[in-house]
Amino acid sequence: MRLTAAFRAFGAALACVALVALSPSASAARAEPSARDWKTIRQVIGDQRAALRKDDAARAFGFASRGLRAQFESAENFMRMVHDGYQPLIDARRVEFLEGAVIDGQVIQPLRLVLADDTVLVALYTMLREDGGRWRIAGCMIAPSTVRST
C-alpha cells in the first residue's frame, strides 16, 4: 500500500471518528478503561483482524459499532471498504499492540503493523463500549510510523 493511500484512509477514518464523537452512545466510552477492559479491547481487535484475514465479512462486521454497521449497511460493503483503504490490516506480517490511551474522551488502541517490505504503520482504533458493556470498534485510521522495522 502506498502511503498516499494511507493518508486517504486517514481522512476517511477521521470522519468516522467524528461521527462516533457525536453519537449518543459515545459518552459510554468516556470512562477510563480498566486493565481488564484493555485486554478485552485487544481481543476484539485481534478477533476482527483474524476474521479480516480469513475474508469472513460477517464475523469482521460483527465487531463494528452500531454506528459503523449503519454507515456501511452490510458486511460486503464493510469488506469492500477494508480492502480499498485498510489492506495493511490484512497484509501485515507482524502486529504489536501498543499502549492504549483515552484522548479527548475517546478510547484509542494503537496497533503497530509491519508489512512484508518492512514498512511500519500504526492503526489507531477508536473503541466504544456500547449498551450491555460490549466493546466495539468505532473507527480506525492508519498512519505512517516513525519506527523502523528490524
N, C-alpha and C. Protein backbone atom coordinates (compact mmCIF):
# COMPACT_ATOMS: atom_id res chain seq x y z
N MET A 1 0.85 -1.18 0.00
CA MET A 1 0.00 0.00 0.00
C MET A 1 0.88 1.23 0.00
N ARG A 2 0.59 2.16 -0.85
CA ARG A 2 1.33 3.41 -0.87
C ARG A 2 0.91 4.26 0.31
N LEU A 3 1.82 5.13 0.76
CA LEU A 3 1.49 5.99 1.88
C LEU A 3 0.38 6.96 1.53
N THR A 4 0.28 7.39 0.26
CA THR A 4 -0.81 8.29 -0.11
C THR A 4 -2.16 7.63 0.13
N ALA A 5 -2.25 6.34 -0.12
CA ALA A 5 -3.48 5.62 0.17
C ALA A 5 -3.75 5.60 1.67
N ALA A 6 -2.69 5.49 2.45
CA ALA A 6 -2.84 5.52 3.91
C ALA A 6 -3.38 6.86 4.36
N PHE A 7 -2.93 7.93 3.75
CA PHE A 7 -3.42 9.25 4.12
C PHE A 7 -4.87 9.45 3.69
N ARG A 8 -5.28 8.87 2.56
CA ARG A 8 -6.69 8.93 2.16
C ARG A 8 -7.53 8.18 3.19
N ALA A 9 -7.05 7.04 3.60
CA ALA A 9 -7.76 6.25 4.62
C ALA A 9 -7.83 7.02 5.93
N PHE A 10 -6.76 7.76 6.24
CA PHE A 10 -6.69 8.58 7.44
C PHE A 10 -7.84 9.59 7.44
N GLY A 11 -8.05 10.25 6.30
CA GLY A 11 -9.13 11.23 6.20
C GLY A 11 -10.49 10.60 6.39
N ALA A 12 -10.70 9.44 5.77
CA ALA A 12 -11.97 8.75 5.91
C ALA A 12 -12.19 8.33 7.36
N ALA A 13 -11.13 7.87 7.99
CA ALA A 13 -11.25 7.43 9.38
C ALA A 13 -11.56 8.59 10.31
N LEU A 14 -10.99 9.76 10.03
CA LEU A 14 -11.30 10.93 10.85
C LEU A 14 -12.78 11.26 10.79
N ALA A 15 -13.37 11.11 9.64
CA ALA A 15 -14.80 11.34 9.51
C ALA A 15 -15.58 10.36 10.38
N CYS A 16 -15.14 9.09 10.38
CA CYS A 16 -15.80 8.08 11.22
C CYS A 16 -15.65 8.42 12.69
N VAL A 17 -14.46 8.87 13.10
CA VAL A 17 -14.22 9.23 14.49
C VAL A 17 -15.13 10.39 14.88
N ALA A 18 -15.30 11.36 13.98
CA ALA A 18 -16.18 12.49 14.26
C ALA A 18 -17.62 12.02 14.46
N LEU A 19 -18.07 11.08 13.64
CA LEU A 19 -19.43 10.54 13.80
C LEU A 19 -19.60 9.87 15.15
N VAL A 20 -18.57 9.16 15.59
CA VAL A 20 -18.62 8.47 16.87
C VAL A 20 -18.72 9.48 18.00
N ALA A 21 -17.94 10.55 17.91
CA ALA A 21 -17.94 11.56 18.96
C ALA A 21 -19.30 12.21 19.11
N LEU A 22 -20.07 12.27 18.02
CA LEU A 22 -21.37 12.90 18.05
C LEU A 22 -22.50 11.94 18.39
N SER A 23 -22.20 10.65 18.43
CA SER A 23 -23.26 9.66 18.66
C SER A 23 -23.70 9.66 20.12
N PRO A 24 -24.97 9.34 20.38
CA PRO A 24 -25.48 9.35 21.75
C PRO A 24 -24.75 8.38 22.67
N SER A 25 -24.26 7.26 22.13
CA SER A 25 -23.61 6.28 23.00
C SER A 25 -22.12 6.58 23.20
N ALA A 26 -21.61 7.66 22.60
CA ALA A 26 -20.20 7.99 22.73
C ALA A 26 -19.83 8.30 24.18
N SER A 27 -20.78 8.82 24.96
CA SER A 27 -20.46 9.15 26.35
C SER A 27 -20.10 7.91 27.15
N ALA A 28 -20.55 6.73 26.72
CA ALA A 28 -20.23 5.49 27.43
C ALA A 28 -18.74 5.18 27.35
N ALA A 29 -18.04 5.71 26.35
CA ALA A 29 -16.62 5.43 26.18
C ALA A 29 -15.77 6.38 26.99
N ARG A 30 -16.36 7.34 27.67
CA ARG A 30 -15.59 8.40 28.33
C ARG A 30 -14.92 7.93 29.63
N ALA A 31 -15.41 6.88 30.25
CA ALA A 31 -14.80 6.37 31.47
C ALA A 31 -13.48 5.69 31.15
N GLU A 32 -12.51 5.86 32.02
CA GLU A 32 -11.19 5.24 31.83
C GLU A 32 -11.33 3.72 31.87
N PRO A 33 -10.90 3.04 30.83
CA PRO A 33 -10.99 1.57 30.83
C PRO A 33 -10.08 0.95 31.89
N SER A 34 -10.53 -0.15 32.44
CA SER A 34 -9.73 -0.91 33.41
C SER A 34 -8.72 -1.76 32.66
N ALA A 35 -7.82 -2.40 33.40
CA ALA A 35 -6.85 -3.32 32.78
C ALA A 35 -7.59 -4.45 32.06
N ARG A 36 -8.67 -4.91 32.65
CA ARG A 36 -9.47 -5.97 32.02
C ARG A 36 -10.11 -5.47 30.71
N ASP A 37 -10.57 -4.20 30.74
CA ASP A 37 -11.15 -3.60 29.53
C ASP A 37 -10.10 -3.56 28.40
N TRP A 38 -8.88 -3.13 28.72
CA TRP A 38 -7.83 -3.05 27.69
C TRP A 38 -7.56 -4.43 27.10
N LYS A 39 -7.58 -5.43 27.96
CA LYS A 39 -7.37 -6.80 27.46
C LYS A 39 -8.50 -7.20 26.52
N THR A 40 -9.72 -6.87 26.89
CA THR A 40 -10.88 -7.16 26.05
C THR A 40 -10.81 -6.39 24.73
N ILE A 41 -10.42 -5.14 24.79
CA ILE A 41 -10.28 -4.31 23.59
C ILE A 41 -9.28 -4.95 22.62
N ARG A 42 -8.14 -5.36 23.14
CA ARG A 42 -7.12 -6.01 22.28
C ARG A 42 -7.67 -7.31 21.69
N GLN A 43 -8.46 -8.03 22.47
CA GLN A 43 -9.06 -9.28 21.97
C GLN A 43 -10.04 -9.00 20.84
N VAL A 44 -10.86 -7.98 21.00
CA VAL A 44 -11.84 -7.61 19.96
C VAL A 44 -11.11 -7.25 18.66
N ILE A 45 -10.07 -6.43 18.76
CA ILE A 45 -9.31 -6.03 17.58
C ILE A 45 -8.63 -7.25 16.96
N GLY A 46 -8.01 -8.07 17.78
CA GLY A 46 -7.35 -9.27 17.28
C GLY A 46 -8.32 -10.22 16.60
N ASP A 47 -9.51 -10.38 17.19
CA ASP A 47 -10.51 -11.26 16.60
C ASP A 47 -11.02 -10.70 15.28
N GLN A 48 -11.21 -9.38 15.22
CA GLN A 48 -11.66 -8.80 13.95
C GLN A 48 -10.57 -8.96 12.89
N ARG A 49 -9.35 -8.72 13.25
CA ARG A 49 -8.25 -8.87 12.28
C ARG A 49 -8.17 -10.31 11.78
N ALA A 50 -8.35 -11.28 12.66
CA ALA A 50 -8.36 -12.68 12.24
C ALA A 50 -9.48 -12.94 11.25
N ALA A 51 -10.66 -12.37 11.50
CA ALA A 51 -11.78 -12.52 10.57
C ALA A 51 -11.46 -11.85 9.23
N LEU A 52 -10.84 -10.68 9.27
CA LEU A 52 -10.46 -9.99 8.03
C LEU A 52 -9.49 -10.84 7.22
N ARG A 53 -8.53 -11.42 7.89
CA ARG A 53 -7.52 -12.23 7.20
C ARG A 53 -8.13 -13.49 6.57
N LYS A 54 -9.24 -13.98 7.15
CA LYS A 54 -9.94 -15.14 6.59
C LYS A 54 -11.02 -14.72 5.59
N ASP A 55 -11.14 -13.42 5.36
CA ASP A 55 -12.16 -12.85 4.49
C ASP A 55 -13.56 -13.23 4.97
N ASP A 56 -13.72 -13.30 6.29
CA ASP A 56 -15.00 -13.62 6.91
C ASP A 56 -15.72 -12.30 7.19
N ALA A 57 -16.42 -11.81 6.18
CA ALA A 57 -17.06 -10.50 6.24
C ALA A 57 -18.06 -10.39 7.39
N ALA A 58 -18.90 -11.38 7.55
CA ALA A 58 -19.94 -11.33 8.58
C ALA A 58 -19.33 -11.23 9.98
N ARG A 59 -18.32 -12.05 10.23
CA ARG A 59 -17.68 -12.02 11.56
C ARG A 59 -16.96 -10.70 11.78
N ALA A 60 -16.20 -10.23 10.80
CA ALA A 60 -15.46 -8.96 10.93
C ALA A 60 -16.42 -7.80 11.17
N PHE A 61 -17.52 -7.79 10.44
CA PHE A 61 -18.53 -6.74 10.55
C PHE A 61 -19.17 -6.75 11.93
N GLY A 62 -19.27 -7.91 12.54
CA GLY A 62 -19.87 -8.04 13.86
C GLY A 62 -19.11 -7.34 14.97
N PHE A 63 -17.84 -7.04 14.75
CA PHE A 63 -17.03 -6.34 15.76
C PHE A 63 -17.16 -4.82 15.66
N ALA A 64 -17.84 -4.35 14.61
CA ALA A 64 -18.02 -2.91 14.40
C ALA A 64 -19.14 -2.38 15.29
N SER A 65 -19.02 -1.11 15.64
CA SER A 65 -20.05 -0.46 16.45
C SER A 65 -21.34 -0.32 15.63
N ARG A 66 -22.42 -0.04 16.32
CA ARG A 66 -23.70 0.18 15.64
C ARG A 66 -23.58 1.29 14.60
N GLY A 67 -22.85 2.34 14.93
CA GLY A 67 -22.68 3.46 14.00
C GLY A 67 -21.99 3.04 12.71
N LEU A 68 -20.92 2.24 12.84
CA LEU A 68 -20.23 1.76 11.62
C LEU A 68 -21.11 0.79 10.84
N ARG A 69 -21.82 -0.06 11.55
CA ARG A 69 -22.70 -1.00 10.85
C ARG A 69 -23.78 -0.24 10.09
N ALA A 70 -24.32 0.82 10.68
CA ALA A 70 -25.32 1.64 9.99
C ALA A 70 -24.71 2.35 8.79
N GLN A 71 -23.49 2.83 8.95
CA GLN A 71 -22.82 3.55 7.87
C GLN A 71 -22.57 2.65 6.66
N PHE A 72 -22.12 1.43 6.88
CA PHE A 72 -21.76 0.55 5.77
C PHE A 72 -22.90 -0.38 5.35
N GLU A 73 -23.92 -0.52 6.17
CA GLU A 73 -25.16 -1.24 5.87
C GLU A 73 -25.04 -2.74 5.69
N SER A 74 -23.91 -3.24 5.20
CA SER A 74 -23.77 -4.68 5.01
C SER A 74 -22.32 -5.10 5.22
N ALA A 75 -22.16 -6.37 5.52
CA ALA A 75 -20.81 -6.93 5.69
C ALA A 75 -20.02 -6.82 4.40
N GLU A 76 -20.67 -6.97 3.27
CA GLU A 76 -19.99 -6.89 1.98
C GLU A 76 -19.47 -5.47 1.73
N ASN A 77 -20.27 -4.45 2.03
CA ASN A 77 -19.81 -3.06 1.88
C ASN A 77 -18.64 -2.79 2.82
N PHE A 78 -18.74 -3.31 4.03
CA PHE A 78 -17.67 -3.14 5.01
C PHE A 78 -16.37 -3.75 4.50
N MET A 79 -16.43 -4.96 3.99
CA MET A 79 -15.21 -5.63 3.50
C MET A 79 -14.64 -4.90 2.28
N ARG A 80 -15.51 -4.36 1.44
CA ARG A 80 -15.03 -3.60 0.29
C ARG A 80 -14.23 -2.39 0.77
N MET A 81 -14.75 -1.70 1.80
CA MET A 81 -14.05 -0.56 2.37
C MET A 81 -12.70 -0.99 2.95
N VAL A 82 -12.68 -2.11 3.65
CA VAL A 82 -11.43 -2.60 4.24
C VAL A 82 -10.41 -2.88 3.14
N HIS A 83 -10.82 -3.59 2.10
CA HIS A 83 -9.89 -3.91 1.01
C HIS A 83 -9.43 -2.67 0.27
N ASP A 84 -10.30 -1.66 0.17
CA ASP A 84 -9.93 -0.44 -0.54
C ASP A 84 -9.00 0.47 0.25
N GLY A 85 -9.16 0.53 1.57
CA GLY A 85 -8.39 1.50 2.33
C GLY A 85 -7.63 0.99 3.53
N TYR A 86 -7.84 -0.27 3.90
CA TYR A 86 -7.25 -0.79 5.12
C TYR A 86 -6.55 -2.14 4.90
N GLN A 87 -6.10 -2.38 3.71
CA GLN A 87 -5.44 -3.64 3.36
C GLN A 87 -4.27 -3.99 4.28
N PRO A 88 -3.51 -3.00 4.81
CA PRO A 88 -2.42 -3.36 5.73
C PRO A 88 -2.88 -4.14 6.95
N LEU A 89 -4.13 -3.97 7.37
CA LEU A 89 -4.64 -4.76 8.49
C LEU A 89 -4.64 -6.24 8.16
N ILE A 90 -4.83 -6.55 6.90
CA ILE A 90 -4.86 -7.94 6.43
C ILE A 90 -3.45 -8.42 6.09
N ASP A 91 -2.66 -7.55 5.45
CA ASP A 91 -1.37 -7.94 4.90
C ASP A 91 -0.21 -7.94 5.89
N ALA A 92 -0.36 -7.28 7.02
CA ALA A 92 0.77 -7.14 7.96
C ALA A 92 1.34 -8.52 8.30
N ARG A 93 2.65 -8.62 8.23
CA ARG A 93 3.32 -9.88 8.57
C ARG A 93 3.53 -9.98 10.09
N ARG A 94 3.49 -8.84 10.76
CA ARG A 94 3.65 -8.82 12.22
C ARG A 94 2.84 -7.65 12.78
N VAL A 95 2.24 -7.86 13.92
CA VAL A 95 1.49 -6.80 14.59
C VAL A 95 1.90 -6.76 16.06
N GLU A 96 1.75 -5.59 16.64
CA GLU A 96 2.07 -5.42 18.07
C GLU A 96 1.13 -4.37 18.65
N PHE A 97 0.43 -4.74 19.71
CA PHE A 97 -0.41 -3.77 20.39
C PHE A 97 0.49 -2.82 21.18
N LEU A 98 0.23 -1.54 21.04
CA LEU A 98 0.93 -0.52 21.80
C LEU A 98 0.02 -0.10 22.95
N GLU A 99 0.53 0.74 23.84
CA GLU A 99 -0.26 1.16 24.99
C GLU A 99 -1.43 2.02 24.55
N GLY A 100 -2.62 1.65 25.00
CA GLY A 100 -3.82 2.40 24.68
C GLY A 100 -3.92 3.65 25.55
N ALA A 101 -4.82 4.55 25.13
CA ALA A 101 -4.99 5.81 25.85
C ALA A 101 -6.40 6.32 25.64
N VAL A 102 -6.82 7.19 26.55
CA VAL A 102 -8.07 7.93 26.38
C VAL A 102 -7.66 9.34 26.01
N ILE A 103 -8.08 9.77 24.81
CA ILE A 103 -7.71 11.09 24.29
C ILE A 103 -8.99 11.85 23.99
N ASP A 104 -9.17 12.98 24.66
CA ASP A 104 -10.39 13.78 24.49
C ASP A 104 -11.64 12.92 24.65
N GLY A 105 -11.61 12.02 25.62
CA GLY A 105 -12.76 11.18 25.91
C GLY A 105 -12.92 9.97 25.01
N GLN A 106 -12.04 9.81 24.02
CA GLN A 106 -12.11 8.68 23.10
C GLN A 106 -11.10 7.61 23.50
N VAL A 107 -11.53 6.36 23.51
CA VAL A 107 -10.65 5.25 23.84
C VAL A 107 -9.93 4.85 22.56
N ILE A 108 -8.60 4.98 22.58
CA ILE A 108 -7.78 4.72 21.40
C ILE A 108 -6.82 3.58 21.71
N GLN A 109 -6.83 2.56 20.84
CA GLN A 109 -5.91 1.42 20.96
C GLN A 109 -5.05 1.37 19.70
N PRO A 110 -3.74 1.71 19.84
CA PRO A 110 -2.85 1.63 18.68
C PRO A 110 -2.35 0.20 18.45
N LEU A 111 -2.18 -0.11 17.17
CA LEU A 111 -1.67 -1.40 16.75
C LEU A 111 -0.59 -1.15 15.71
N ARG A 112 0.65 -1.56 16.02
CA ARG A 112 1.75 -1.42 15.07
C ARG A 112 1.64 -2.53 14.03
N LEU A 113 1.76 -2.17 12.76
CA LEU A 113 1.69 -3.10 11.64
C LEU A 113 3.02 -3.09 10.91
N VAL A 114 3.63 -4.25 10.74
CA VAL A 114 4.86 -4.36 9.95
C VAL A 114 4.50 -5.13 8.69
N LEU A 115 4.68 -4.47 7.55
CA LEU A 115 4.33 -5.07 6.26
C LEU A 115 5.49 -5.91 5.73
N ALA A 116 5.23 -6.66 4.68
CA ALA A 116 6.24 -7.56 4.09
C ALA A 116 7.50 -6.82 3.66
N ASP A 117 7.36 -5.56 3.23
CA ASP A 117 8.52 -4.78 2.78
C ASP A 117 9.17 -4.00 3.93
N ASP A 118 8.80 -4.34 5.17
CA ASP A 118 9.29 -3.72 6.41
C ASP A 118 8.79 -2.30 6.64
N THR A 119 7.81 -1.86 5.87
CA THR A 119 7.15 -0.59 6.17
C THR A 119 6.41 -0.77 7.49
N VAL A 120 6.49 0.24 8.33
CA VAL A 120 5.80 0.20 9.62
C VAL A 120 4.70 1.26 9.61
N LEU A 121 3.50 0.83 9.93
CA LEU A 121 2.35 1.71 10.04
C LEU A 121 1.74 1.53 11.42
N VAL A 122 0.91 2.46 11.81
CA VAL A 122 0.18 2.33 13.07
C VAL A 122 -1.30 2.48 12.77
N ALA A 123 -2.08 1.50 13.20
CA ALA A 123 -3.54 1.56 13.11
C ALA A 123 -4.04 2.07 14.46
N LEU A 124 -4.77 3.16 14.42
CA LEU A 124 -5.33 3.75 15.63
C LEU A 124 -6.82 3.43 15.67
N TYR A 125 -7.17 2.51 16.54
CA TYR A 125 -8.56 2.08 16.68
C TYR A 125 -9.27 2.95 17.70
N THR A 126 -10.44 3.45 17.35
CA THR A 126 -11.31 4.12 18.30
C THR A 126 -12.31 3.08 18.76
N MET A 127 -12.37 2.89 20.07
CA MET A 127 -13.22 1.86 20.65
C MET A 127 -14.39 2.50 21.39
N LEU A 128 -15.50 1.78 21.40
CA LEU A 128 -16.71 2.28 22.03
C LEU A 128 -17.35 1.15 22.84
N ARG A 129 -17.67 1.47 24.08
CA ARG A 129 -18.41 0.50 24.90
C ARG A 129 -19.89 0.78 24.66
N GLU A 130 -20.55 -0.17 24.01
CA GLU A 130 -21.95 0.02 23.70
C GLU A 130 -22.83 -0.52 24.82
N ASP A 131 -24.12 -0.30 24.67
CA ASP A 131 -25.08 -0.81 25.66
C ASP A 131 -24.79 -2.28 25.91
N GLY A 132 -24.87 -2.67 27.15
CA GLY A 132 -24.57 -4.06 27.51
C GLY A 132 -23.10 -4.22 27.88
N GLY A 133 -22.30 -3.17 27.72
CA GLY A 133 -20.91 -3.20 28.14
C GLY A 133 -19.94 -3.81 27.15
N ARG A 134 -20.39 -4.17 25.96
CA ARG A 134 -19.52 -4.81 24.97
C ARG A 134 -18.69 -3.75 24.25
N TRP A 135 -17.39 -4.04 24.11
CA TRP A 135 -16.51 -3.15 23.36
C TRP A 135 -16.64 -3.44 21.87
N ARG A 136 -16.77 -2.37 21.10
CA ARG A 136 -16.89 -2.46 19.65
C ARG A 136 -15.91 -1.48 19.00
N ILE A 137 -15.55 -1.77 17.78
CA ILE A 137 -14.65 -0.91 17.01
C ILE A 137 -15.50 0.17 16.36
N ALA A 138 -15.21 1.43 16.70
CA ALA A 138 -15.99 2.55 16.20
C ALA A 138 -15.29 3.28 15.06
N GLY A 139 -14.03 2.97 14.83
CA GLY A 139 -13.29 3.61 13.75
C GLY A 139 -11.84 3.17 13.79
N CYS A 140 -11.17 3.40 12.70
CA CYS A 140 -9.75 3.05 12.61
C CYS A 140 -9.11 3.96 11.59
N MET A 141 -7.94 4.45 11.90
CA MET A 141 -7.17 5.18 10.90
C MET A 141 -5.76 4.60 10.89
N ILE A 142 -5.18 4.57 9.71
CA ILE A 142 -3.83 4.04 9.56
C ILE A 142 -2.91 5.19 9.19
N ALA A 143 -1.80 5.28 9.90
CA ALA A 143 -0.85 6.36 9.68
C ALA A 143 0.57 5.80 9.61
N PRO A 144 1.46 6.52 8.96
CA PRO A 144 2.87 6.09 8.94
C PRO A 144 3.44 6.14 10.35
N SER A 145 4.46 5.35 10.58
CA SER A 145 5.13 5.31 11.88
C SER A 145 6.54 5.86 11.74
N THR A 146 7.06 6.39 12.81
CA THR A 146 8.45 6.83 12.82
C THR A 146 9.39 5.70 13.16
N VAL A 147 8.84 4.55 13.58
CA VAL A 147 9.63 3.39 13.94
C VAL A 147 10.03 2.63 12.66
N ARG A 148 11.23 2.12 12.64
CA ARG A 148 11.70 1.30 11.52
C ARG A 148 11.71 -0.17 11.95
N SER A 149 11.36 -1.03 11.02
CA SER A 149 11.38 -2.46 11.29
C SER A 149 12.81 -2.98 11.23
N THR A 150 13.09 -3.96 12.08
CA THR A 150 14.42 -4.57 12.07
C THR A 150 14.37 -5.97 11.52
